[in-house]
């Protein structure tokens, strides 16, 4: 056995296994729009991993594998997760590796819990949960979820929250409730659907309500995904092209039928079979993508998420920015909030007679410039 819970600074390749396209929930914001009842077989999964370990052992760019069981809801295929994990643990693998699962937490039988507890040092399990009360019911399910099972046994794994339009008014309340329960969180602004101008006003109000919680801990604000942007990255020059993420990233994904993609977002359950087939035929020829003209000279381009898969899904063209037509203004509001939070943090440091180094002074100037450049939500 050659297993590590923490791969540290090794040159790690991420291997994403879509062990099923099926899910027992129907989350309103889910980007997997073409789910099926497909399940990956144990034999297929083992063959994939044998190949990945062999190629990694002979690859100077990579010295470890981070293996992720995803879905759909991966615990619908617990039989595979259990069998493949135990096979890996029983073998002498040529490079270090880690195992993780992301789950909605609704399918934990006594059998699954017992197995996970017995192996909690060897497999990481992370929960997706949109809140403890009404927000979870609005977007996901009213089923009871034993979130303490996850937070107690894998305290370093952050609970993932996806922000959706109808849960936005409860965002600050949800975060405060979860922090009060000592739940480490990671927030994603939902992608793949259009946010309205009325949403960005509410978002700005919710972020303002949360600032005091993170004013003394900018690092946690960043890790939580609530105030994620480094103000030092604002106003970076926008390039004419950006690297095709699947060309530069050390990542590979396998669909439930074993089909290989350079990113799981290009799988058929996300963008549909026709587009998925197109990217498999043409993806290797694409090295860089032209920046959408609407994104040129944007002050937050360097921190804005560009996703060719979403571009292809929404606009039928990997070069037309899905971000520009879906959550552009949400990101600008979030950037303003990050700038404001940083300046309030600096003000507190100055009030305590803390010496500001040159980088902090420059970042403060950057934050002020951003607030002058991007207007408040109601004027965006």
Protein backbone atom coordinates (compact mmCIF):
# COMPACT_ATOMS: atom_id res chain seq x y z
CA UNK A 1 0.00 0.00 0.00
CA UNK A 2 1.25 3.50 -0.85
CA UNK A 3 -1.29 5.92 0.52
CA UNK A 4 -1.10 9.44 1.93
CA UNK A 5 -3.87 11.51 3.49
CA UNK A 6 -1.97 14.71 2.70
CA UNK A 7 -0.11 14.94 -0.60
CA UNK A 8 1.53 18.19 0.48
CA UNK A 9 3.41 20.05 -2.24
CA UNK A 10 3.81 17.06 -4.53
CA UNK A 11 3.11 17.43 -8.24
CA UNK A 12 -0.34 15.95 -8.07
CA UNK A 13 -2.61 14.83 -10.86
CA UNK A 14 -6.33 14.90 -10.13
CA UNK A 15 -8.30 11.89 -11.36
CA UNK A 16 -12.05 12.46 -11.31
CA UNK A 17 -14.27 9.38 -11.55
CA UNK A 18 -17.95 9.94 -12.30
CA UNK A 19 -19.03 6.71 -10.67
CA UNK A 20 -22.63 7.44 -11.63
CA UNK A 21 -24.58 10.05 -13.59
CA UNK A 22 -27.61 9.39 -11.40
CA UNK A 23 -28.69 11.38 -8.37
CA UNK A 24 -31.41 10.91 -5.78
CA UNK A 25 -32.00 14.68 -5.55
CA UNK A 26 -32.92 17.33 -8.10
CA UNK A 27 -31.14 20.46 -6.88
CA UNK A 28 -32.51 23.53 -8.61
CA UNK A 29 -29.10 24.94 -9.54
CA UNK A 30 -27.40 21.69 -10.60
CA UNK A 31 -25.16 22.15 -13.64
CA UNK A 32 -25.56 18.47 -14.57
CA UNK A 33 -28.52 19.03 -16.87
CA UNK A 34 -28.38 15.68 -18.69
CA UNK A 35 -28.18 13.12 -15.90
CA UNK A 36 -28.90 9.48 -16.71
CA UNK A 37 -29.07 6.22 -14.77
CA UNK A 38 -25.57 5.21 -15.89
CA UNK A 39 -23.24 3.58 -13.36
CA UNK A 40 -19.52 2.93 -13.69
CA UNK A 41 -18.58 -0.73 -13.26
CA UNK A 42 -16.00 -1.87 -10.74
CA UNK A 43 -13.97 -3.49 -13.51
CA UNK A 44 -13.94 -0.29 -15.57
CA UNK A 45 -12.84 1.78 -12.57
CA UNK A 46 -10.01 -0.58 -11.69
CA UNK A 47 -8.72 -0.60 -15.27
CA UNK A 48 -8.78 3.21 -15.37
CA UNK A 49 -6.79 3.46 -12.14
CA UNK A 50 -4.28 0.82 -13.20
CA UNK A 51 -3.63 2.86 -16.32
CA UNK A 52 -3.35 6.13 -14.37
CA UNK A 53 -0.92 4.70 -11.82
CA UNK A 54 1.21 3.20 -14.57
CA UNK A 55 1.36 6.43 -16.59
CA UNK A 56 2.05 8.51 -13.46
CA UNK A 57 4.93 6.27 -12.43
CA UNK A 58 6.58 7.10 -15.78
CA UNK A 59 5.70 10.81 -15.84
CA UNK A 60 8.27 13.31 -14.54
CA UNK A 61 5.57 16.00 -14.25
CA UNK A 62 3.51 14.05 -11.72
CA UNK A 63 4.42 12.30 -8.47
CA UNK A 64 1.00 11.62 -6.88
CA UNK A 65 -2.68 11.06 -7.68
CA UNK A 66 -5.67 12.70 -6.02
CA UNK A 67 -8.57 10.37 -6.81
CA UNK A 68 -12.10 11.75 -6.50
CA UNK A 69 -15.32 9.73 -6.57
CA UNK A 70 -18.03 12.01 -7.96
CA UNK A 71 -21.54 11.76 -9.39
CA UNK A 72 -24.44 12.44 -9.61
CA UNK A 73 -24.56 11.21 -6.05
CA UNK A 74 -21.55 8.90 -5.65
CA UNK A 75 -22.98 6.88 -2.77
CA UNK A 76 -25.58 5.50 -5.13
CA UNK A 77 -22.60 3.44 -6.28
CA UNK A 78 -21.21 2.67 -2.82
CA UNK A 79 -20.48 -0.87 -3.97
CA UNK A 80 -17.85 0.51 -6.36
CA UNK A 81 -16.39 2.99 -3.86
CA UNK A 82 -15.96 0.26 -1.25
CA UNK A 83 -14.60 -2.36 -3.64
CA UNK A 84 -12.15 -0.09 -5.46
CA UNK A 85 -10.90 1.57 -2.26
CA UNK A 86 -10.23 -1.77 -0.56
CA UNK A 87 -8.48 -3.01 -3.69
CA UNK A 88 -6.21 0.03 -3.69
CA UNK A 89 -5.43 -0.35 0.00
CA UNK A 90 -4.51 -4.00 -0.51
CA UNK A 91 -2.07 -3.30 -3.34
CA UNK A 92 1.39 -1.74 -3.50
CA UNK A 93 0.80 1.30 -5.71
CA UNK A 94 3.80 2.94 -7.41
CA UNK A 95 3.03 6.52 -6.35
CA UNK A 96 1.27 8.14 -3.36
CA UNK A 97 -2.44 8.84 -3.71
CA UNK A 98 -5.42 10.17 -1.82
CA UNK A 99 -9.12 9.30 -2.02
CA UNK A 100 -12.07 11.62 -1.55
CA UNK A 101 -15.83 11.69 -2.03
CA UNK A 102 -18.25 14.64 -2.26
CA UNK A 103 -21.80 13.71 -1.23
CA UNK A 104 -25.21 15.24 -0.54
CA UNK A 105 -25.29 13.19 2.66
CA UNK A 106 -28.77 11.73 2.26
CA UNK A 107 -27.89 8.09 1.60
CA UNK A 108 -25.83 7.17 4.65
CA UNK A 109 -27.03 3.75 5.72
CA UNK A 110 -25.62 2.05 8.82
CA UNK A 111 -23.44 -0.05 6.52
CA UNK A 112 -21.96 2.99 4.75
CA UNK A 113 -21.38 4.84 8.04
CA UNK A 114 -19.67 1.85 9.62
CA UNK A 115 -17.35 1.43 6.64
CA UNK A 116 -16.51 5.13 6.43
CA UNK A 117 -15.77 5.33 10.15
CA UNK A 118 -13.50 2.31 9.95
CA UNK A 119 -11.57 3.99 7.12
CA UNK A 120 -11.86 7.68 7.97
CA UNK A 121 -8.07 8.06 8.01
CA UNK A 122 -7.82 6.62 4.48
CA UNK A 123 -10.67 8.30 2.60
CA UNK A 124 -11.82 11.90 2.86
CA UNK A 125 -15.56 12.59 2.70
CA UNK A 126 -16.96 16.09 2.20
CA UNK A 127 -20.56 17.24 2.42
CA UNK A 128 -22.57 19.55 0.18
CA UNK A 129 -25.20 21.32 2.28
CA UNK A 130 -26.90 24.63 1.55
CA UNK A 131 -27.94 25.40 5.11
CA UNK A 132 -29.31 23.97 8.31
CA UNK A 133 -32.91 25.00 7.81
CA UNK A 134 -34.96 26.71 5.10
CA UNK A 135 -32.21 27.18 2.50
CA UNK A 136 -31.52 23.46 2.30
CA UNK A 137 -35.22 22.77 1.79
CA UNK A 138 -35.55 25.46 -0.88
CA UNK A 139 -32.79 24.15 -3.11
CA UNK A 140 -32.09 20.54 -2.21
CA UNK A 141 -34.24 18.40 0.09
CA UNK A 142 -36.18 18.31 3.32
CA UNK A 143 -34.51 15.03 4.27
CA UNK A 144 -32.66 15.07 7.58
CA UNK A 145 -28.87 15.04 7.17
CA UNK A 146 -26.42 14.03 9.88
CA UNK A 147 -23.97 16.81 9.13
CA UNK A 148 -22.11 16.19 12.40
CA UNK A 149 -21.06 12.81 11.06
CA UNK A 150 -19.04 14.63 8.42
CA UNK A 151 -17.78 17.62 10.40
CA UNK A 152 -16.69 15.48 13.37
CA UNK A 153 -14.88 12.83 11.36
CA UNK A 154 -13.38 15.01 8.60
CA UNK A 155 -13.04 18.43 10.27
CA UNK A 156 -10.62 19.72 7.61
CA UNK A 157 -13.12 19.15 4.80
CA UNK A 158 -15.23 22.23 4.16
CA UNK A 159 -18.98 21.90 3.71
CA UNK A 160 -19.86 23.19 0.26
CA UNK A 161 -22.69 25.72 -0.15
CA UNK A 162 -24.01 26.73 -3.57
CA UNK A 163 -25.68 30.12 -3.66
CA UNK A 164 -28.92 30.17 -5.66
CA UNK A 165 -31.40 32.93 -6.47
CA UNK A 166 -34.15 31.90 -4.08
CA UNK A 167 -31.77 31.32 -1.15
CA UNK A 168 -29.94 34.62 -1.62
CA UNK A 169 -32.11 36.59 0.87
CA UNK A 170 -31.13 34.06 3.60
CA UNK A 171 -27.43 33.97 2.75
CA UNK A 172 -26.07 35.95 5.72
CA UNK A 173 -28.38 34.18 8.15
CA UNK A 174 -27.33 30.79 6.77
CA UNK A 175 -23.63 31.58 7.10
CA UNK A 176 -24.03 32.85 10.67
CA UNK A 177 -25.98 29.74 11.67
CA UNK A 178 -23.38 27.40 10.21
CA UNK A 179 -20.41 29.30 11.67
CA UNK A 180 -22.16 29.25 15.07
CA UNK A 181 -22.26 25.46 14.73
CA UNK A 182 -18.52 25.52 13.97
CA UNK A 183 -19.01 24.26 10.45
CA UNK A 184 -16.19 25.16 8.04
CA UNK A 185 -17.78 26.32 4.81
CA UNK A 186 -16.90 26.89 1.17
CA UNK A 187 -19.33 29.00 -0.85
CA UNK A 188 -19.77 28.90 -4.62
CA UNK A 189 -21.91 31.40 -6.50
CA UNK A 190 -24.11 29.20 -8.70
CA UNK A 191 -23.11 28.92 -12.35
CA UNK A 192 -24.99 27.96 -15.47
CA UNK A 193 -28.01 30.22 -14.96
CA UNK A 194 -28.57 33.97 -15.23
CA UNK A 195 -28.49 36.18 -12.14
CA UNK A 196 -30.81 39.20 -12.37
CA UNK A 197 -30.07 42.83 -11.48
CA UNK A 198 -32.36 42.55 -8.46
CA UNK A 199 -30.18 39.67 -7.20
CA UNK A 200 -26.98 41.69 -7.16
CA UNK A 201 -28.57 44.33 -4.90
CA UNK A 202 -29.58 41.63 -2.41
CA UNK A 203 -26.15 40.02 -2.66
CA UNK A 204 -24.43 43.29 -1.81
CA UNK A 205 -26.66 43.71 1.24
CA UNK A 206 -25.95 40.15 2.40
CA UNK A 207 -22.18 40.58 2.02
CA UNK A 208 -22.29 43.83 3.98
CA UNK A 209 -24.04 41.98 6.81
CA UNK A 210 -21.24 39.41 6.92
CA UNK A 211 -18.23 41.74 6.83
CA UNK A 212 -17.82 42.15 10.58
CA UNK A 213 -17.37 38.39 10.93
CA UNK A 214 -14.26 38.39 8.72
CA UNK A 215 -12.74 41.83 9.22
CA UNK A 216 -10.03 40.40 11.50
CA UNK A 217 -9.53 37.22 9.51
CA UNK A 218 -9.21 37.95 5.80
CA UNK A 219 -7.70 34.53 5.24
CA UNK A 220 -10.82 32.73 6.45
CA UNK A 221 -12.96 35.10 4.42
CA UNK A 222 -11.00 34.01 1.36
CA UNK A 223 -11.07 30.28 2.17
CA UNK A 224 -14.80 30.42 2.86
CA UNK A 225 -15.44 31.74 -0.65
CA UNK A 226 -17.49 34.63 0.75
CA UNK A 227 -14.75 37.24 0.28
CA UNK A 228 -12.50 35.21 -2.05
CA UNK A 229 -10.55 37.76 -4.09
CA UNK A 230 -7.03 39.03 -3.53
CA UNK A 231 -7.25 42.80 -4.07
CA UNK A 232 -3.70 42.73 -5.39
CA UNK A 233 -4.98 40.93 -8.48
CA UNK A 234 -7.39 43.68 -9.48
CA UNK A 235 -6.50 45.74 -12.58
CA UNK A 236 -4.13 43.17 -14.03
CA UNK A 237 -3.73 43.55 -17.79
CA UNK A 238 -6.26 41.46 -19.70
CA UNK A 239 -4.58 39.15 -22.22
CA UNK A 240 -5.83 38.59 -25.75
CA UNK A 241 -5.97 34.84 -25.10
CA UNK A 242 -6.09 32.60 -22.07
CA UNK A 243 -4.79 29.01 -21.85
CA UNK A 244 -7.34 26.29 -22.41
CA UNK A 245 -7.71 24.99 -18.84
CA UNK A 246 -7.73 21.35 -19.89
CA UNK A 247 -4.44 21.90 -21.71
CA UNK A 248 -2.56 23.33 -18.71
CA UNK A 249 -4.23 21.64 -15.72
CA UNK A 250 -2.95 18.29 -14.53
CA UNK A 251 -6.42 16.78 -14.43
CA UNK A 252 -8.29 13.97 -16.12
CA UNK A 253 -11.90 12.86 -15.78
CA UNK A 254 -13.72 9.64 -16.64
CA UNK A 255 -17.43 9.38 -17.29
CA UNK A 256 -19.55 6.52 -15.98
CA UNK A 257 -18.95 4.53 -19.17
CA UNK A 258 -15.18 5.07 -18.96
CA UNK A 259 -15.03 7.84 -21.56
CA UNK A 260 -12.07 10.13 -20.85
CA UNK A 261 -12.27 13.92 -20.66
CA UNK A 262 -9.77 16.49 -19.54
CA UNK A 263 -12.40 17.94 -17.19
CA UNK A 264 -15.58 16.44 -15.75
CA UNK A 265 -17.52 19.55 -16.82
CA UNK A 266 -17.16 18.34 -20.41
CA UNK A 267 -18.94 15.07 -19.65
CA UNK A 268 -22.23 14.24 -21.34
CA UNK A 269 -24.27 14.66 -18.15
CA UNK A 270 -23.16 18.32 -17.95
CA UNK A 271 -23.15 19.62 -21.55
CA UNK A 272 -25.03 16.89 -23.41
CA UNK A 273 -23.76 14.10 -25.64
CA UNK A 274 -23.42 16.12 -28.86
CA UNK A 275 -21.22 18.81 -27.32
CA UNK A 276 -19.37 16.27 -25.24
CA UNK A 277 -18.50 14.29 -28.37
CA UNK A 278 -17.39 17.51 -30.08
CA UNK A 279 -14.93 18.43 -27.33
CA UNK A 280 -13.49 14.92 -27.31
CA UNK A 281 -12.82 15.18 -31.05
CA UNK A 282 -11.47 18.72 -31.02
CA UNK A 283 -10.25 19.45 -27.49
CA UNK A 284 -6.69 18.26 -28.05
CA UNK A 285 -6.27 20.78 -30.85
CA UNK A 286 -7.18 23.74 -28.65
CA UNK A 287 -4.30 25.34 -26.78
CA UNK A 288 -5.73 28.79 -26.03
CA UNK A 289 -9.02 30.63 -26.22
CA UNK A 290 -9.58 34.28 -27.23
CA UNK A 291 -10.81 36.50 -24.44
CA UNK A 292 -14.40 37.59 -25.01
CA UNK A 293 -14.38 41.28 -26.09
CA UNK A 294 -16.87 42.04 -23.30
CA UNK A 295 -14.22 40.98 -20.78
CA UNK A 296 -11.40 43.11 -22.17
CA UNK A 297 -10.12 45.72 -19.73
CA UNK A 298 -12.30 44.35 -16.92
CA UNK A 299 -10.66 45.28 -13.58
CA UNK A 300 -11.43 41.87 -12.06
CA UNK A 301 -10.61 39.68 -15.05
CA UNK A 302 -7.72 38.01 -13.21
CA UNK A 303 -10.03 36.69 -10.48
CA UNK A 304 -13.07 35.91 -12.63
CA UNK A 305 -13.75 32.26 -13.38
CA UNK A 306 -13.54 31.47 -17.08
CA UNK A 307 -15.06 28.06 -17.87
CA UNK A 308 -14.91 26.85 -21.50
CA UNK A 309 -17.32 24.02 -20.64
CA UNK A 310 -19.98 26.48 -19.48
CA UNK A 311 -19.24 28.64 -22.53
CA UNK A 312 -19.91 25.64 -24.76
CA UNK A 313 -23.00 24.61 -22.83
CA UNK A 314 -24.67 28.02 -22.77
CA UNK A 315 -23.43 29.64 -25.99
CA UNK A 316 -22.38 26.66 -28.17
CA UNK A 317 -18.94 28.24 -28.41
CA UNK A 318 -16.01 27.88 -26.00
CA UNK A 319 -14.92 31.44 -26.85
CA UNK A 320 -18.12 33.22 -25.79
CA UNK A 321 -17.94 33.88 -22.06
CA UNK A 322 -20.74 32.30 -20.03
CA UNK A 323 -19.53 34.36 -17.07
CA UNK A 324 -20.22 37.60 -18.93
CA UNK A 325 -23.87 36.68 -19.44
CA UNK A 326 -24.62 34.89 -16.16
CA UNK A 327 -22.80 36.00 -13.00
CA UNK A 328 -20.60 38.90 -14.15
CA UNK A 329 -22.34 41.46 -11.95
CA UNK A 330 -22.43 39.08 -9.00
CA UNK A 331 -18.65 38.78 -9.20
CA UNK A 332 -18.25 42.55 -9.46
CA UNK A 333 -20.36 42.99 -6.32
CA UNK A 334 -18.23 40.38 -4.58
CA UNK A 335 -15.06 42.18 -5.71
CA UNK A 336 -16.38 45.44 -4.26
CA UNK A 337 -17.09 43.64 -1.00
CA UNK A 338 -13.55 42.24 -0.92
CA UNK A 339 -12.13 45.72 -1.49
CA UNK A 340 -14.32 47.22 1.23
CA UNK A 341 -13.46 44.46 3.70
CA UNK A 342 -9.73 44.92 3.04
CA UNK A 343 -9.93 48.67 3.61
CA UNK A 344 -11.84 48.20 6.87
CA UNK A 345 -9.22 45.71 7.96
CA UNK A 346 -6.46 48.23 7.19
CA UNK A 347 -8.32 50.96 9.09
CA UNK A 348 -8.39 48.75 12.18
CA UNK A 349 -4.68 48.06 11.84
CA UNK A 350 -3.90 51.78 11.55
CA UNK A 351 -6.06 52.49 14.61
CA UNK A 352 -3.89 49.98 16.51
CA UNK A 353 -0.70 51.72 15.29
CA UNK A 354 0.22 48.72 13.16
CA UNK A 355 2.91 49.47 10.56
CA UNK A 356 1.70 48.90 7.00
CA UNK A 357 4.26 47.45 4.62
CA UNK A 358 4.53 48.56 0.99
CA UNK A 359 2.42 45.68 -0.33
CA UNK A 360 -0.42 46.46 2.04
CA UNK A 361 -0.32 50.15 1.12
CA UNK A 362 -0.39 49.29 -2.60
CA UNK A 363 -3.25 46.85 -2.08
CA UNK A 364 -5.19 49.52 -0.21
CA UNK A 365 -4.72 51.86 -3.18
CA UNK A 366 -5.92 49.05 -5.46
CA UNK A 367 -9.01 48.54 -3.32
CA UNK A 368 -9.83 52.26 -3.37
CA UNK A 369 -9.39 52.34 -7.13
CA UNK A 370 -11.75 49.39 -7.55
CA UNK A 371 -14.47 51.05 -5.47
CA UNK A 372 -14.17 54.11 -7.69
CA UNK A 373 -14.28 51.99 -10.88
CA UNK A 374 -17.09 49.54 -10.14
CA UNK A 375 -20.26 51.25 -8.89
CA UNK A 376 -22.59 50.00 -6.18
CA UNK A 377 -24.98 47.22 -7.15
CA UNK A 378 -27.93 49.49 -7.74
CA UNK A 379 -25.91 51.42 -10.33
CA UNK A 380 -24.29 48.46 -12.08
